[in-house]
PDB file of N, CA and C in Angstrom:
ATOM      1  N   MET A   1      13.386  42.976 -38.449  1.00  0.00           N
ATOM      2  CA  MET A   1      14.446  41.983 -38.643  1.00  0.00           C
ATOM      3  C   MET A   1      14.888  41.943 -40.110  1.00  0.00           C
ATOM      4  N   GLU A   2      13.947  42.210 -41.000  1.00  0.00           N
ATOM      5  CA  GLU A   2      14.306  42.168 -42.420  1.00  0.00           C
ATOM      6  C   GLU A   2      15.346  43.243 -42.737  1.00  0.00           C
ATOM      7  N   SER A   3      15.195  44.415 -42.139  1.00  0.00           N
ATOM      8  CA  SER A   3      16.140  45.499 -42.408  1.00  0.00           C
ATOM      9  C   SER A   3      17.542  45.092 -41.934  1.00  0.00           C
ATOM     10  N   ASN A   4      17.615  44.413 -40.790  1.00  0.00           N
ATOM     11  CA  ASN A   4      18.909  43.955 -40.288  1.00  0.00           C
ATOM     12  C   ASN A   4      19.495  42.895 -41.210  1.00  0.00           C
ATOM     13  N   ASP A   5      18.654  41.995 -41.679  1.00  0.00           N
ATOM     14  CA  ASP A   5      19.137  40.947 -42.576  1.00  0.00           C
ATOM     15  C   ASP A   5      19.670  41.556 -43.867  1.00  0.00           C
ATOM     16  N   ARG A   6      19.067  42.651 -44.273  1.00  0.00           N
ATOM     17  CA  ARG A   6      19.522  43.283 -45.518  1.00  0.00           C
ATOM     18  C   ARG A   6      20.823  44.056 -45.293  1.00  0.00           C
ATOM     19  N   THR A   7      20.983  44.568 -44.072  1.00  0.00           N
ATOM     20  CA  THR A   7      22.184  45.359 -43.785  1.00  0.00           C
ATOM     21  C   THR A   7      23.420  44.467 -43.670  1.00  0.00           C
ATOM     22  N   ILE A   8      23.259  43.301 -43.102  1.00  0.00           N
ATOM     23  CA  ILE A   8      24.410  42.412 -42.891  1.00  0.00           C
ATOM     24  C   ILE A   8      25.036  41.977 -44.219  1.00  0.00           C
ATOM     25  N   PRO A   9      24.261  41.483 -45.177  1.00  0.00           N
ATOM     26  CA  PRO A   9      24.869  41.061 -46.448  1.00  0.00           C
ATOM     27  C   PRO A   9      25.549  42.220 -47.163  1.00  0.00           C
ATOM     28  N   SER A  10      24.962  43.406 -47.083  1.00  0.00           N
ATOM     29  CA  SER A  10      25.567  44.551 -47.772  1.00  0.00           C
ATOM     30  C   SER A  10      26.937  44.862 -47.161  1.00  0.00           C
ATOM     31  N   SER A  11      27.039  44.782 -45.827  1.00  0.00           N
ATOM     32  CA  SER A  11      28.322  45.052 -45.171  1.00  0.00           C
ATOM     33  C   SER A  11      29.337  43.979 -45.544  1.00  0.00           C
ATOM     34  N   VAL A  12      28.864  42.740 -45.653  1.00  0.00           N
ATOM     35  CA  VAL A  12      29.763  41.647 -46.042  1.00  0.00           C
ATOM     36  C   VAL A  12      30.260  41.875 -47.465  1.00  0.00           C
ATOM     37  N   GLU A  13      29.358  42.341 -48.320  1.00  0.00           N
ATOM     38  CA  GLU A  13      29.764  42.607 -49.704  1.00  0.00           C
ATOM     39  C   GLU A  13      30.820  43.707 -49.748  1.00  0.00           C
ATOM     40  N   LEU A  14      30.666  44.710 -48.888  1.00  0.00           N
ATOM     41  CA  LEU A  14      31.643  45.794 -48.853  1.00  0.00           C
ATOM     42  C   LEU A  14      33.009  45.258 -48.419  1.00  0.00           C
ATOM     43  N   VAL A  15      32.994  44.388 -47.417  1.00  0.00           N
ATOM     44  CA  VAL A  15      34.263  43.814 -46.937  1.00  0.00           C
ATOM     45  C   VAL A  15      34.903  42.985 -48.044  1.00  0.00           C
ATOM     46  N   ASN A  16      34.085  42.177 -48.723  1.00  0.00           N
ATOM     47  CA  ASN A  16      34.618  41.349 -49.814  1.00  0.00           C
ATOM     48  C   ASN A  16      35.174  42.235 -50.920  1.00  0.00           C
ATOM     49  N   ALA A  17      34.489  43.341 -51.201  1.00  0.00           N
ATOM     50  CA  ALA A  17      34.960  44.250 -52.244  1.00  0.00           C
ATOM     51  C   ALA A  17      36.302  44.848 -51.845  1.00  0.00           C
ATOM     52  N   LYS A  18      36.446  45.200 -50.563  1.00  0.00           N
ATOM     53  CA  LYS A  18      37.720  45.764 -50.094  1.00  0.00           C
ATOM     54  C   LYS A  18      38.831  44.728 -50.212  1.00  0.00           C
ATOM     55  N   LYS A  19      38.501  43.479 -49.857  1.00  0.00           N
ATOM     56  CA  LYS A  19      39.509  42.413 -49.946  1.00  0.00           C
ATOM     57  C   LYS A  19      39.924  42.206 -51.401  1.00  0.00           C
ATOM     58  N   THR A  20      38.947  42.221 -52.289  1.00  0.00           N
ATOM     59  CA  THR A  20      39.254  42.026 -53.713  1.00  0.00           C
ATOM     60  C   THR A  20      40.125  43.171 -54.214  1.00  0.00           C
ATOM     61  N   THR A  21      39.782  44.400 -53.798  1.00  0.00           N
ATOM     62  CA  THR A  21      40.572  45.555 -54.227  1.00  0.00           C
ATOM     63  C   THR A  21      41.999  45.448 -53.695  1.00  0.00           C
ATOM     64  N   ALA A  22      42.134  45.007 -52.458  1.00  0.00           N
ATOM     65  CA  ALA A  22      43.467  44.865 -51.865  1.00  0.00           C
ATOM     66  C   ALA A  22      44.271  43.814 -52.623  1.00  0.00           C
ATOM     67  N   ARG A  23      43.591  42.712 -52.987  1.00  0.00           N
ATOM     68  CA  ARG A  23      44.296  41.659 -53.734  1.00  0.00           C
ATOM     69  C   ARG A  23      44.744  42.177 -55.088  1.00  0.00           C
ATOM     70  N   LEU A  24      43.868  42.922 -55.753  1.00  0.00           N
ATOM     71  CA  LEU A  24      44.235  43.459 -57.065  1.00  0.00           C
ATOM     72  C   LEU A  24      45.402  44.424 -56.915  1.00  0.00           C
ATOM     73  N   ALA A  25      45.383  45.226 -55.867  1.00  0.00           N
ATOM     74  CA  ALA A  25      46.460  46.187 -55.643  1.00  0.00           C
ATOM     75  C   ALA A  25      47.776  45.444 -55.410  1.00  0.00           C
ATOM     76  N   LEU A  26      47.730  44.381 -54.620  1.00  0.00           N
ATOM     77  CA  LEU A  26      48.947  43.604 -54.366  1.00  0.00           C
ATOM     78  C   LEU A  26      49.435  42.959 -55.658  1.00  0.00           C
ATOM     79  N   ASN A  27      48.507  42.468 -56.474  1.00  0.00           N
ATOM     80  CA  ASN A  27      48.894  41.845 -57.743  1.00  0.00           C
ATOM     81  C   ASN A  27      49.558  42.877 -58.646  1.00  0.00           C
ATOM     82  N   ASP A  28      48.999  44.094 -58.692  1.00  0.00           N
ATOM     83  CA  ASP A  28      49.578  45.146 -59.527  1.00  0.00           C
ATOM     84  C   ASP A  28      50.985  45.480 -59.042  1.00  0.00           C
ATOM     85  N   ARG A  29      51.164  45.549 -57.732  1.00  0.00           N
ATOM     86  CA  ARG A  29      52.488  45.871 -57.194  1.00  0.00           C
ATOM     87  C   ARG A  29      53.478  44.761 -57.522  1.00  0.00           C
ATOM     88  N   THR A  30      53.025  43.520 -57.395  1.00  0.00           N
ATOM     89  CA  THR A  30      53.919  42.384 -57.696  1.00  0.00           C
ATOM     90  C   THR A  30      54.332  42.413 -59.157  1.00  0.00           C
ATOM     91  N   ILE A  31      53.372  42.700 -60.030  1.00  0.00           N
ATOM     92  CA  ILE A  31      53.679  42.743 -61.469  1.00  0.00           C
ATOM     93  C   ILE A  31      54.675  43.873 -61.748  1.00  0.00           C
ATOM     94  N   GLU A  32      54.458  45.022 -61.100  1.00  0.00           N
ATOM     95  CA  GLU A  32      55.365  46.151 -61.316  1.00  0.00           C
ATOM     96  C   GLU A  32      56.773  45.793 -60.860  1.00  0.00           C
ATOM     97  N   LEU A  33      56.878  45.077 -59.743  1.00  0.00           N
ATOM     98  CA  LEU A  33      58.205  44.689 -59.253  1.00  0.00           C
ATOM     99  C   LEU A  33      58.862  43.706 -60.212  1.00  0.00           C
ATOM    100  N   GLN A  34      58.054  42.909 -60.898  1.00  0.00           N
ATOM    101  CA  GLN A  34      58.604  41.914 -61.823  1.00  0.00           C
ATOM    102  C   GLN A  34      58.965  42.547 -63.170  1.00  0.00           C
ATOM    103  N   ARG A  35      58.537  43.789 -63.410  1.00  0.00           N
ATOM    104  CA  ARG A  35      58.836  44.440 -64.693  1.00  0.00           C
ATOM    105  C   ARG A  35      60.098  45.294 -64.561  1.00  0.00           C
ATOM    106  N   PRO A  36      61.168  44.945 -65.240  1.00  0.00           N
ATOM    107  CA  PRO A  36      62.433  45.687 -65.133  1.00  0.00           C
ATOM    108  C   PRO A  36      62.277  47.135 -65.585  1.00  0.00           C
ATOM    109  N   HIS A  37      61.439  47.401 -66.615  1.00  0.00           N
ATOM    110  CA  HIS A  37      61.345  48.748 -67.164  1.00  0.00           C
ATOM    111  C   HIS A  37      60.639  49.692 -66.204  1.00  0.00           C
ATOM    112  N   ASN A  38      60.051  49.150 -65.114  1.00  0.00           N
ATOM    113  CA  ASN A  38      59.402  50.017 -64.127  1.00  0.00           C
ATOM    114  C   ASN A  38      60.389  50.442 -63.040  1.00  0.00           C
ATOM    115  N   LEU A  39      61.577  49.878 -63.064  1.00  0.00           N
ATOM    116  CA  LEU A  39      62.574  50.266 -62.063  1.00  0.00           C
ATOM    117  C   LEU A  39      63.174  51.621 -62.431  1.00  0.00           C
ATOM    118  N   PRO A  40      63.482  52.423 -61.428  1.00  0.00           N
ATOM    119  CA  PRO A  40      64.055  53.765 -61.672  1.00  0.00           C
ATOM    120  C   PRO A  40      65.460  53.703 -62.246  1.00  0.00           C
TER     121      PRO A  40
END
Protein backbone atom coordinates (compact mmCIF):
# COMPACT_ATOMS: atom_id res chain seq x y z
CA MET A 1 0.00 0.00 0.00
CA GLU A 2 2.90 2.34 0.68
CA SER A 3 4.10 2.03 -2.92
CA ASN A 4 0.61 2.99 -4.14
CA ASP A 5 0.46 5.93 -1.77
CA ARG A 6 3.79 7.12 -3.11
CA THR A 7 2.70 6.72 -6.72
CA ILE A 8 -0.49 8.76 -6.37
CA PRO A 9 1.14 11.98 -5.07
CA SER A 10 3.84 11.79 -7.74
CA SER A 11 1.18 11.55 -10.48
CA VAL A 12 -0.69 14.47 -8.93
CA GLU A 13 2.52 16.48 -8.91
CA LEU A 14 3.01 15.71 -12.59
CA VAL A 15 -0.52 16.90 -13.38
CA ASN A 16 0.02 20.08 -11.35
CA ALA A 17 3.31 20.66 -13.16
CA LYS A 18 1.56 20.29 -16.53
CA LYS A 19 -1.15 22.72 -15.44
CA THR A 20 1.46 25.22 -14.29
CA THR A 21 3.35 24.87 -17.57
CA ALA A 22 0.13 25.38 -19.53
CA ARG A 23 -0.66 28.50 -17.50
CA LEU A 24 2.81 29.90 -18.09
CA ALA A 25 2.49 29.16 -21.80
CA LEU A 26 -0.87 30.94 -21.95
CA ASN A 27 0.59 33.90 -20.05
CA ASP A 28 3.51 34.09 -22.49
CA ARG A 29 1.12 34.03 -25.44
CA THR A 30 -1.06 36.73 -23.90
CA ILE A 31 1.98 38.93 -23.27
CA GLU A 32 3.17 38.41 -26.85
CA LEU A 33 -0.25 39.41 -28.17
CA GLN A 34 -0.13 42.55 -26.02
CA ARG A 35 3.31 43.51 -27.40
CA PRO A 36 2.97 45.48 -30.67
CA HIS A 37 6.61 44.85 -31.68
CA ASN A 38 5.88 41.10 -31.80
CA LEU A 39 3.31 41.58 -34.55
CA PRO A 40 4.46 40.73 -38.09
